[in-house]
Protein backbone atom coordinates (compact mmCIF):
# COMPACT_ATOMS: atom_id res chain seq x y z
CA MET A 1 157.16 34.93 24.73
CA LYS A 2 155.80 31.38 24.95
CA LEU A 3 159.30 29.99 24.37
CA ILE A 4 160.66 32.09 27.27
CA GLN A 5 157.82 30.92 29.52
CA ARG A 6 158.49 27.28 28.62
CA ARG A 7 162.19 27.64 29.38
CA ILE A 8 161.50 29.35 32.71
CA TRP A 9 159.05 26.58 33.63
CA PHE A 10 161.55 23.90 32.55
CA TRP A 11 164.39 25.30 34.65
CA TYR A 12 162.05 25.86 37.60
CA ASP A 13 161.05 22.19 37.46
CA ALA A 14 164.66 21.12 36.91
CA ILE A 15 165.96 23.06 39.93
CA SER A 16 163.09 21.82 42.11
CA ILE A 17 163.77 18.21 41.15
CA LEU A 18 167.52 18.74 41.59
CA VAL A 19 166.98 19.98 45.16
CA PHE A 20 164.67 17.02 45.78
CA THR A 21 167.25 14.50 44.52
CA THR A 22 170.04 16.12 46.55
CA LEU A 23 168.03 15.90 49.78
CA THR A 24 167.03 12.30 49.14
CA LEU A 25 170.64 11.36 48.39
CA ILE A 26 171.82 12.92 51.66
CA ASP A 27 169.10 11.04 53.54
CA ALA A 28 169.99 7.77 51.79
CA LEU A 29 173.67 8.13 52.72
CA PHE A 30 172.95 8.88 56.38
CA SER A 31 170.32 6.15 56.71
CA SER A 32 172.35 3.39 55.04
CA CYS A 33 172.20 1.31 58.22
CA GLU A 34 168.39 1.12 57.94
CA VAL A 35 167.83 -1.03 54.86
CA ASP A 36 164.11 -0.29 54.58
CA HIS A 37 164.47 3.49 54.84
CA PHE A 38 167.57 3.43 52.62
CA SER A 39 165.70 1.62 49.82
CA PHE A 40 162.89 4.22 49.85
CA SER A 41 165.27 7.21 49.90
CA LEU A 42 167.46 5.74 47.16
CA ALA A 43 164.42 5.00 44.98
CA CYS A 44 163.28 8.63 45.38
CA PHE A 45 166.77 9.84 44.49
CA LEU A 46 166.95 7.65 41.37
CA SER A 47 163.46 8.70 40.31
CA GLY A 48 164.32 12.40 40.60
CA SER A 49 167.57 11.81 38.72
CA LYS A 50 165.68 10.04 35.94
CA HIS A 51 163.25 12.93 35.53
CA PHE A 52 166.05 15.50 35.53
CA PHE A 53 168.42 13.78 33.10
CA SER A 54 165.62 12.68 30.74
CA ALA A 55 164.43 16.27 30.39
CA LEU A 56 168.02 17.50 30.10
CA PHE A 57 168.91 15.07 27.30
CA LEU A 58 165.78 16.01 25.37
CA GLN A 59 166.73 19.68 25.71
CA ILE A 60 170.18 18.84 24.35
CA HIS A 61 168.69 16.92 21.41
CA ARG A 62 165.82 19.30 20.69
CA GLU A 63 167.37 20.27 17.33
CA ARG A 64 167.52 16.61 16.31
CA ILE A 65 163.89 16.15 17.35
CA SER A 66 162.97 19.24 15.32
CA LYS A 67 164.77 17.68 12.34
CA VAL A 68 162.68 14.52 12.70
CA LEU A 69 159.49 16.58 12.83
CA ASP A 70 160.55 18.54 9.75
CA LEU A 71 161.05 15.28 7.84
CA LEU A 72 157.63 14.08 8.96
CA ARG A 73 155.90 17.26 7.78
CA GLN A 74 155.77 15.82 4.28
CA SER A 75 152.59 13.99 5.24
CA TYR A 76 149.88 12.46 3.11
CA PRO A 77 146.25 13.65 3.14
CA THR A 78 145.01 10.17 4.11
CA ARG A 79 146.90 10.29 7.41
CA ASP A 80 145.13 13.14 9.16
CA ASP A 81 142.11 11.32 10.62
CA TYR A 82 144.15 8.30 11.67
CA VAL A 83 146.83 10.43 13.32
CA ARG A 84 144.22 12.38 15.27
CA THR A 85 142.49 9.18 16.38
CA VAL A 86 145.66 7.45 17.57
CA CYS A 87 147.06 10.54 19.29
CA LYS A 88 143.70 11.18 20.97
CA ARG A 89 143.69 7.66 22.40
CA PHE A 90 147.17 8.03 23.88
CA ARG A 91 146.32 11.50 25.16
CA ILE A 92 143.28 10.13 26.97
CA LEU A 93 145.33 7.24 28.37
CA SER A 94 148.03 9.63 29.58
CA ILE A 95 145.46 11.93 31.22
CA VAL A 96 143.78 8.98 32.96
CA VAL A 97 147.12 7.73 34.31
CA VAL A 98 148.18 11.22 35.47
CA VAL A 99 144.83 11.85 37.20
CA PHE A 100 144.98 8.42 38.85
CA ILE A 101 148.51 8.95 40.18
CA ILE A 102 147.82 12.54 41.29
CA SER A 103 144.70 11.33 43.13
CA LEU A 104 146.77 8.70 44.92
CA ASN A 105 149.34 11.36 45.80
CA ILE A 106 146.65 13.62 47.28
CA VAL A 107 145.28 10.77 49.39
CA ALA A 108 148.76 9.71 50.47
CA CYS A 109 149.58 13.30 51.47
CA ALA A 110 146.27 13.92 53.25
CA VAL A 111 146.40 10.80 55.43
CA PRO A 112 149.67 11.62 57.29
CA LEU A 113 148.67 15.30 57.59
CA LEU A 114 145.35 14.39 59.21
CA THR A 115 147.10 11.88 61.46
CA LEU A 116 149.57 14.57 62.52
CA CYS A 117 146.75 17.04 63.26
CA PHE A 118 144.64 14.65 65.34
CA SER A 119 147.20 12.42 67.06
CA GLY A 120 150.48 14.31 66.67
CA GLN A 121 152.16 11.26 65.13
CA ARG A 122 154.28 11.35 61.97
CA THR A 123 153.35 8.15 60.19
CA PHE A 124 154.91 8.98 56.81
CA ILE A 125 158.72 8.84 56.75
CA LEU A 126 160.08 11.60 54.51
CA PRO A 127 163.14 10.75 52.42
CA TYR A 128 164.91 13.90 53.69
CA PRO A 129 167.49 14.71 56.39
CA ASP A 130 166.30 14.95 60.02
CA PHE A 131 165.99 18.75 59.88
CA PHE A 132 162.90 18.43 57.64
CA LYS A 133 161.28 15.91 59.99
CA ARG A 134 160.82 18.38 62.84
CA ASN A 135 157.19 18.96 63.82
CA GLU A 136 157.10 22.62 62.74
CA ILE A 137 158.63 21.87 59.32
CA TYR A 138 157.25 18.40 58.65
CA PRO A 139 153.84 19.46 57.14
CA PHE A 140 155.46 21.86 54.64
CA ALA A 141 158.15 19.32 53.73
CA LEU A 142 155.46 16.68 53.21
CA ILE A 143 153.40 18.90 50.90
CA TRP A 144 156.53 19.95 48.97
CA SER A 145 157.54 16.30 48.62
CA PHE A 146 154.22 15.31 47.07
CA TYR A 147 154.28 18.42 44.89
CA ASN A 148 157.63 17.31 43.47
CA SER A 149 156.26 13.83 42.98
CA THR A 150 153.31 15.21 41.01
CA ILE A 151 155.56 17.43 38.88
CA GLY A 152 157.83 14.49 38.15
CA VAL A 153 154.97 12.24 37.11
CA THR A 154 153.34 14.81 34.82
CA GLN A 155 156.71 15.65 33.28
CA VAL A 156 157.53 12.03 32.54
CA ILE A 157 154.05 11.32 31.13
CA SER A 158 154.37 14.43 28.92
CA LEU A 159 157.74 13.28 27.61
CA THR A 160 156.29 9.83 26.99
CA TYR A 161 153.41 11.36 25.04
CA VAL A 162 155.86 13.32 22.86
CA PHE A 163 157.70 10.08 22.12
CA VAL A 164 154.45 8.24 21.38
CA ALA A 165 153.17 10.92 18.99
CA ILE A 166 156.42 11.01 16.99
CA ALA A 167 156.70 7.20 16.89
CA VAL A 168 153.13 6.86 15.60
CA LEU A 169 153.88 9.32 12.80
CA ILE A 170 157.00 7.34 11.87
CA SER A 171 155.05 4.08 11.80
CA LEU A 172 152.62 5.74 9.38
CA GLU A 173 155.55 6.24 6.99
CA PHE A 174 155.86 2.45 6.74
CA ASP A 175 152.07 2.04 6.49
CA GLU A 176 152.10 4.40 3.52
CA LEU A 177 154.91 2.39 1.92
CA LYS A 178 152.84 -0.79 2.31
CA ALA A 179 149.83 0.91 0.73
CA GLN A 180 151.91 1.99 -2.26
CA VAL A 181 153.19 -1.57 -2.76
CA GLY A 182 149.59 -2.83 -2.72
CA ASP A 183 148.77 -0.47 -5.60
CA TRP A 184 151.44 -2.09 -7.79
CA LYS A 185 149.10 -5.01 -8.50
CA ASN A 186 146.96 -2.71 -10.62
CA CYS A 187 149.88 -1.22 -12.57
CA ASP A 188 151.80 -2.46 -15.58
CA GLU A 189 155.51 -3.22 -15.32
CA LYS A 190 156.60 0.08 -16.86
CA GLU A 191 154.59 2.08 -14.36
CA VAL A 192 155.91 -0.05 -11.47
CA ASP A 193 159.46 0.58 -12.67
CA GLU A 194 158.83 4.33 -12.53
CA ARG A 195 157.16 4.19 -9.13
CA ILE A 196 159.70 1.91 -7.50
CA ARG A 197 162.48 4.50 -7.67
CA ASP A 198 160.51 7.02 -5.64
CA TRP A 199 159.43 4.21 -3.33
CA VAL A 200 163.05 3.24 -2.57
CA LYS A 201 163.90 6.87 -1.79
CA GLN A 202 160.93 7.12 0.56
CA HIS A 203 161.87 3.79 2.19
CA ASN A 204 165.43 5.00 2.81
CA ARG A 205 164.07 8.28 4.11
CA ALA A 206 161.85 6.44 6.61
CA PHE A 207 164.87 4.59 8.00
CA ASP A 208 166.81 7.86 8.19
CA ILE A 209 164.00 9.31 10.30
CA VAL A 210 164.10 6.26 12.59
CA ASN A 211 167.88 6.62 13.00
CA GLU A 212 167.60 10.31 13.90
CA PHE A 213 164.77 9.56 16.30
CA ASP A 214 166.79 6.77 17.91
CA LYS A 215 169.81 9.03 18.38
CA ALA A 216 167.64 11.57 20.20
CA PHE A 217 165.89 9.10 22.53
CA SER A 218 168.34 6.20 22.92
CA ILE A 219 170.09 7.53 26.04
CA VAL A 220 166.74 8.57 27.53
CA PHE A 221 165.48 5.01 27.04
CA LEU A 222 168.58 3.62 28.75
CA ILE A 223 168.19 5.94 31.74
CA LYS A 224 164.49 5.12 32.10
CA PHE A 225 164.83 1.36 31.74
CA VAL A 226 167.76 0.95 34.13
CA ILE A 227 166.38 3.27 36.82
CA SER A 228 162.79 2.04 36.49
CA ALA A 229 163.84 -1.60 36.85
CA THR A 230 165.91 -0.73 39.94
CA ASN A 231 163.16 1.41 41.44
CA ILE A 232 160.47 -1.24 41.01
CA ALA A 233 162.61 -3.76 42.90
CA MET A 234 163.36 -1.28 45.72
CA ILE A 235 159.78 -0.07 46.06
CA LEU A 236 158.42 -3.61 46.19
CA PHE A 237 160.91 -4.36 48.96
CA HIS A 238 159.85 -1.21 50.80
CA LEU A 239 156.17 -2.09 50.26
CA ARG A 240 156.73 -5.47 51.86
CA ALA A 241 158.42 -3.98 54.93
CA GLN A 242 156.00 -1.06 55.54
CA ASN A 243 152.58 -1.30 57.19
CA ASP A 244 151.69 2.41 56.93
CA PHE A 245 148.71 3.21 54.65
CA GLY A 246 150.28 6.39 53.31
CA HIS A 247 153.42 4.56 52.24
CA PHE A 248 151.28 1.82 50.68
CA ILE A 249 149.41 4.35 48.50
CA VAL A 250 152.62 6.12 47.49
CA ASN A 251 154.30 2.86 46.55
CA ILE A 252 151.33 1.70 44.47
CA ALA A 253 151.32 5.03 42.59
CA TYR A 254 155.09 4.79 42.16
CA VAL A 255 155.06 1.28 40.68
CA THR A 256 152.07 2.15 38.44
CA SER A 257 153.90 5.18 37.09
CA GLU A 258 157.09 3.23 36.40
CA LEU A 259 155.29 0.37 34.62
CA ASN A 260 153.15 2.79 32.60
CA GLN A 261 156.21 4.64 31.31
CA ILE A 262 157.98 1.46 30.27
CA PHE A 263 154.90 -0.17 28.73
CA LEU A 264 153.95 2.80 26.52
CA GLN A 265 157.47 3.06 25.14
CA CYS A 266 157.81 -0.69 24.57
CA TYR A 267 154.39 -0.95 22.94
CA ILE A 268 155.08 1.88 20.49
CA GLY A 269 158.58 0.51 19.79
CA GLN A 270 156.97 -2.86 18.97
CA LEU A 271 154.38 -1.13 16.77
CA LEU A 272 157.13 0.61 14.80
CA MET A 273 159.06 -2.65 14.44
CA ASN A 274 155.98 -4.54 13.21
CA SER A 275 155.09 -1.82 10.70
CA SER A 276 158.54 -2.00 9.09
CA GLU A 277 158.57 -5.82 9.06
CA GLN A 278 155.18 -6.07 7.34
CA ILE A 279 156.62 -4.39 4.25
CA ILE A 280 158.21 -7.73 3.30
CA ASP A 281 154.77 -9.39 3.17
CA SER A 282 153.43 -6.56 1.02
CA LEU A 283 156.36 -6.89 -1.38
CA TYR A 284 155.92 -10.65 -1.61
CA ASP A 285 152.21 -10.28 -2.44
CA CYS A 286 152.60 -7.48 -5.01
CA GLY A 287 152.42 -9.94 -7.94
CA TRP A 288 156.10 -9.72 -8.89
CA GLU A 289 156.19 -13.42 -9.88
CA ASN A 290 153.98 -12.64 -12.90
CA TRP A 291 156.27 -9.95 -14.28
CA GLU A 292 158.34 -10.59 -17.37
CA ASN A 293 161.01 -7.97 -16.63
CA LEU A 294 163.83 -9.90 -14.91
CA LYS A 295 165.60 -6.69 -13.86
CA LEU A 296 162.47 -5.53 -12.06
CA LYS A 297 162.16 -8.91 -10.33
CA LYS A 298 165.76 -8.69 -9.12
CA THR A 299 165.10 -5.18 -7.82
CA ILE A 300 162.15 -6.46 -5.78
CA LEU A 301 164.26 -9.30 -4.36
CA ILE A 302 167.01 -6.87 -3.35
CA ILE A 303 164.46 -4.61 -1.65
CA MET A 304 163.01 -7.62 0.17
CA GLN A 305 166.47 -8.56 1.43
CA ARG A 306 167.08 -5.04 2.70
CA SER A 307 163.64 -4.95 4.33
CA GLN A 308 164.41 -8.02 6.44
CA LYS A 309 166.12 -5.75 8.96
CA PRO A 310 163.28 -4.00 10.82
CA ALA A 311 163.33 -0.42 12.05
CA VAL A 312 164.07 -0.58 15.77
CA LEU A 313 164.61 1.86 18.60
CA THR A 314 167.46 0.97 20.92
CA ILE A 315 168.11 1.28 24.64
CA GLY A 316 171.53 2.89 24.52
CA LYS A 317 172.62 0.24 21.96
CA PHE A 318 172.16 -2.48 24.62
CA GLY A 319 168.75 -3.73 23.50
CA THR A 320 165.63 -2.89 21.55
CA VAL A 321 162.49 -1.08 22.69
CA SER A 322 159.90 -3.87 22.38
CA VAL A 323 157.23 -5.77 24.27
CA GLN A 324 159.77 -8.49 24.97
CA GLN A 325 161.91 -5.92 26.76
CA PHE A 326 158.91 -4.87 28.87
CA THR A 327 158.29 -8.45 30.00
CA ASP A 328 161.96 -8.75 30.94
CA VAL A 329 161.76 -5.61 33.10
CA SER A 330 158.40 -6.38 34.71
């Protein structure tokens, strides 16, 4: 029953956003001569398209995501408290951002409605065709517009939180590998030789999980990065040209939402990359230079060579999800 309710809610949101993007595209095409209005309508269209296609691609790859979660179910007892702590922090951050953006949306929607009631002026320009800008339809179109904006923001933040939670669990795989290597200092060479075989299997398994995770989210990353970078530029241009308070609030909320989405993904991608790279330091400090078994030493050197390539998440194979990528976009 819950699955049916989730699918109904998903398709309701998808159809609502699809109608929103269609109307904004029509308005952008017919207002192409007005650069300021065109930039705002096109940004709304791209934003709606991003929300729709991101959710659609995740629906398509839901089996692959389930596979990643199944692989991660083989967790260690020492992880539980840390996982809860990290996920709680990101949950609180996501809630704060959503509440902040929704509050801005409410203010931005209330100001033009009050202005319309008291002075009869329509200060907020809707990114829709002229039919929706008529006085008798304008208030309902305005409320529906901000409703779609709120749905889009909460949907994107929810998808980002799903990504963050899975990425944190994957990074813990590499943290566990580092902890196991640290224990080798207290073991004799025979015991290390027995442990290292299982360690290599677990290391390969961690990279398999990263590859599956990357296949599921790579296209979503590409869509978000390209559209977010374009939208930020267009909204900043629109912000510079507009003097209306309602538009100012909407644009601030818009840019905040875009930067928040990109930053969370880049930060977690960097965290995953750093966790996999730190394995080399753990291997180097495991005391292998004091071993007498040359075969075991060679095995460690081979593992160190393989570990030089970090686990990365890609943006449609065009780049990596990292803090450096965030600075390039922002």
